[in-house]
Amino acid sequence: MAFGLLYNEDIFADRQFQARENILRFHNTRVGDLCAPGTVPKLSATPGRFDALGSRLGEHNGEIYGGLLQKTERELADLKTAGVI
């Protein structure tokens, strides 16, 4: 490792990164095990946290299209058939 320069493999092996929880590991049912950066900076009163990587693709379509945009079930079905959602 060059001075001041970290490569991916160095970061995963670095004890300081591990101790500060700068690399979080998650399991995603679609793609398997993933790593993501932890919260920086670490604040004592509001340390921040990650519970998940995010929603699945299309998980909130019904809420957004049906609720927020007031699309009917038929319109939702047409959008799905057309490959829009």
C-alpha atoms as a PDB file:
ATOM      1  CA  MET A   1       0.000   0.000   0.000  1.00  0.00           C
ATOM      2  CA  ALA A   2       1.375   3.391  -0.968  1.00  0.00           C
ATOM      3  CA  PHE A   3       1.444   6.140   1.656  1.00  0.00           C
ATOM      4  CA  GLY A   4      -1.979   7.824   1.901  1.00  0.00           C
ATOM      5  CA  LEU A   5      -3.567   5.609  -0.738  1.00  0.00           C
ATOM      6  CA  LEU A   6      -5.917   2.730   0.070  1.00  0.00           C
ATOM      7  CA  TYR A   7      -7.084   0.168  -2.431  1.00  0.00           C
ATOM      8  CA  ASN A   8     -10.329  -1.798  -2.063  1.00  0.00           C
ATOM      9  CA  GLU A   9      -8.594  -4.888  -0.699  1.00  0.00           C
ATOM     10  CA  ASP A  10      -6.732  -2.713   1.845  1.00  0.00           C
ATOM     11  CA  ILE A  11      -9.940  -1.119   3.095  1.00  0.00           C
ATOM     12  CA  PHE A  12     -11.634  -4.474   3.712  1.00  0.00           C
ATOM     13  CA  ALA A  13      -8.623  -5.707   5.693  1.00  0.00           C
ATOM     14  CA  ASP A  14      -7.964  -2.474   7.608  1.00  0.00           C
ATOM     15  CA  ARG A  15      -8.540  -2.819  11.358  1.00  0.00           C
ATOM     16  CA  GLN A  16      -9.492   0.853  11.739  1.00  0.00           C
ATOM     17  CA  PHE A  17     -12.227   0.567   9.093  1.00  0.00           C
ATOM     18  CA  GLN A  18     -13.524  -2.548  10.868  1.00  0.00           C
ATOM     19  CA  ALA A  19     -13.407  -0.990  14.350  1.00  0.00           C
ATOM     20  CA  ARG A  20     -15.285   2.118  13.169  1.00  0.00           C
ATOM     21  CA  GLU A  21     -17.838  -0.022  11.274  1.00  0.00           C
ATOM     22  CA  ASN A  22     -17.049   1.884   8.081  1.00  0.00           C
ATOM     23  CA  ILE A  23     -17.920  -1.148   5.966  1.00  0.00           C
ATOM     24  CA  LEU A  24     -21.303  -2.743   6.597  1.00  0.00           C
ATOM     25  CA  ARG A  25     -22.290  -6.163   5.346  1.00  0.00           C
ATOM     26  CA  PHE A  26     -25.819  -6.974   4.222  1.00  0.00           C
ATOM     27  CA  HIS A  27     -27.549  -9.947   2.688  1.00  0.00           C
ATOM     28  CA  ASN A  28     -29.819  -9.208  -0.254  1.00  0.00           C
ATOM     29  CA  THR A  29     -32.208 -11.976  -1.287  1.00  0.00           C
ATOM     30  CA  ARG A  30     -31.771 -11.174  -4.989  1.00  0.00           C
ATOM     31  CA  VAL A  31     -27.997 -10.736  -5.273  1.00  0.00           C
ATOM     32  CA  GLY A  32     -26.505 -12.236  -2.109  1.00  0.00           C
ATOM     33  CA  ASP A  33     -24.002 -10.663   0.266  1.00  0.00           C
ATOM     34  CA  LEU A  34     -23.137  -7.001  -0.264  1.00  0.00           C
ATOM     35  CA  CYS A  35     -20.962  -4.400   1.412  1.00  0.00           C
ATOM     36  CA  ALA A  36     -21.860  -0.740   1.826  1.00  0.00           C
ATOM     37  CA  PRO A  37     -20.097   2.226   3.400  1.00  0.00           C
ATOM     38  CA  GLY A  38     -21.038   2.962   7.010  1.00  0.00           C
ATOM     39  CA  THR A  39     -22.221   6.297   8.356  1.00  0.00           C
ATOM     40  CA  VAL A  40     -19.526   8.984   8.469  1.00  0.00           C
ATOM     41  CA  PRO A  41     -18.990  10.949  10.622  1.00  0.00           C
ATOM     42  CA  LYS A  42     -19.914   8.974  13.747  1.00  0.00           C
ATOM     43  CA  LEU A  43     -21.653  11.424  16.081  1.00  0.00           C
ATOM     44  CA  SER A  44     -22.401  10.534  19.710  1.00  0.00           C
ATOM     45  CA  ALA A  45     -25.881  12.092  19.884  1.00  0.00           C
ATOM     46  CA  THR A  46     -26.976  11.140  16.365  1.00  0.00           C
ATOM     47  CA  PRO A  47     -24.753   8.265  15.231  1.00  0.00           C
ATOM     48  CA  GLY A  48     -26.876   7.240  12.260  1.00  0.00           C
ATOM     49  CA  ARG A  49     -27.473   3.678  11.146  1.00  0.00           C
ATOM     50  CA  PHE A  50     -28.342   1.461   8.202  1.00  0.00           C
ATOM     51  CA  ASP A  51     -31.105  -1.110   8.567  1.00  0.00           C
ATOM     52  CA  ALA A  52     -31.358  -2.118   4.926  1.00  0.00           C
ATOM     53  CA  LEU A  53     -29.969  -1.263   1.519  1.00  0.00           C
ATOM     54  CA  GLY A  54     -33.265   0.078   0.235  1.00  0.00           C
ATOM     55  CA  SER A  55     -36.547  -0.979  -1.251  1.00  0.00           C
ATOM     56  CA  ARG A  56     -36.878  -3.661  -3.877  1.00  0.00           C
ATOM     57  CA  LEU A  57     -37.466  -2.426  -7.410  1.00  0.00           C
ATOM     58  CA  GLY A  58     -41.178  -1.646  -7.737  1.00  0.00           C
ATOM     59  CA  GLU A  59     -41.934  -2.382  -4.064  1.00  0.00           C
ATOM     60  CA  HIS A  60     -43.847   0.879  -3.593  1.00  0.00           C
ATOM     61  CA  ASN A  61     -45.481   1.126  -7.026  1.00  0.00           C
ATOM     62  CA  GLY A  62     -48.964   0.612  -5.596  1.00  0.00           C
ATOM     63  CA  GLU A  63     -48.471   3.294  -2.961  1.00  0.00           C
ATOM     64  CA  ILE A  64     -47.016   5.816  -5.419  1.00  0.00           C
ATOM     65  CA  TYR A  65     -49.116   5.173  -8.523  1.00  0.00           C
ATOM     66  CA  GLY A  66     -52.309   4.181  -6.727  1.00  0.00           C
ATOM     67  CA  GLY A  67     -52.154   6.538  -3.756  1.00  0.00           C
ATOM     68  CA  LEU A  68     -50.097   9.563  -4.654  1.00  0.00           C
ATOM     69  CA  LEU A  69     -50.941   9.626  -8.381  1.00  0.00           C
ATOM     70  CA  GLN A  70     -54.454   8.166  -7.900  1.00  0.00           C
ATOM     71  CA  LYS A  71     -54.174   5.617 -10.715  1.00  0.00           C
ATOM     72  CA  THR A  72     -56.918   2.976 -10.808  1.00  0.00           C
ATOM     73  CA  GLU A  73     -56.239  -0.763 -10.651  1.00  0.00           C
ATOM     74  CA  ARG A  74     -56.972  -0.932 -14.381  1.00  0.00           C
ATOM     75  CA  GLU A  75     -54.478   1.851 -15.139  1.00  0.00           C
ATOM     76  CA  LEU A  76     -51.862   0.073 -13.001  1.00  0.00           C
ATOM     77  CA  ALA A  77     -52.499  -3.168 -14.890  1.00  0.00           C
ATOM     78  CA  ASP A  78     -52.154  -1.332 -18.230  1.00  0.00           C
ATOM     79  CA  LEU A  79     -48.858   0.230 -17.107  1.00  0.00           C
ATOM     80  CA  LYS A  80     -47.556  -3.209 -16.079  1.00  0.00           C
ATOM     81  CA  THR A  81     -48.636  -4.749 -19.399  1.00  0.00           C
ATOM     82  CA  ALA A  82     -46.920  -1.921 -21.298  1.00  0.00           C
ATOM     83  CA  GLY A  83     -43.714  -2.504 -19.305  1.00  0.00           C
ATOM     84  CA  VAL A  84     -43.765   0.963 -17.786  1.00  0.00           C
ATOM     85  CA  ILE A  85     -43.764  -0.368 -14.221  1.00  0.00           C
END
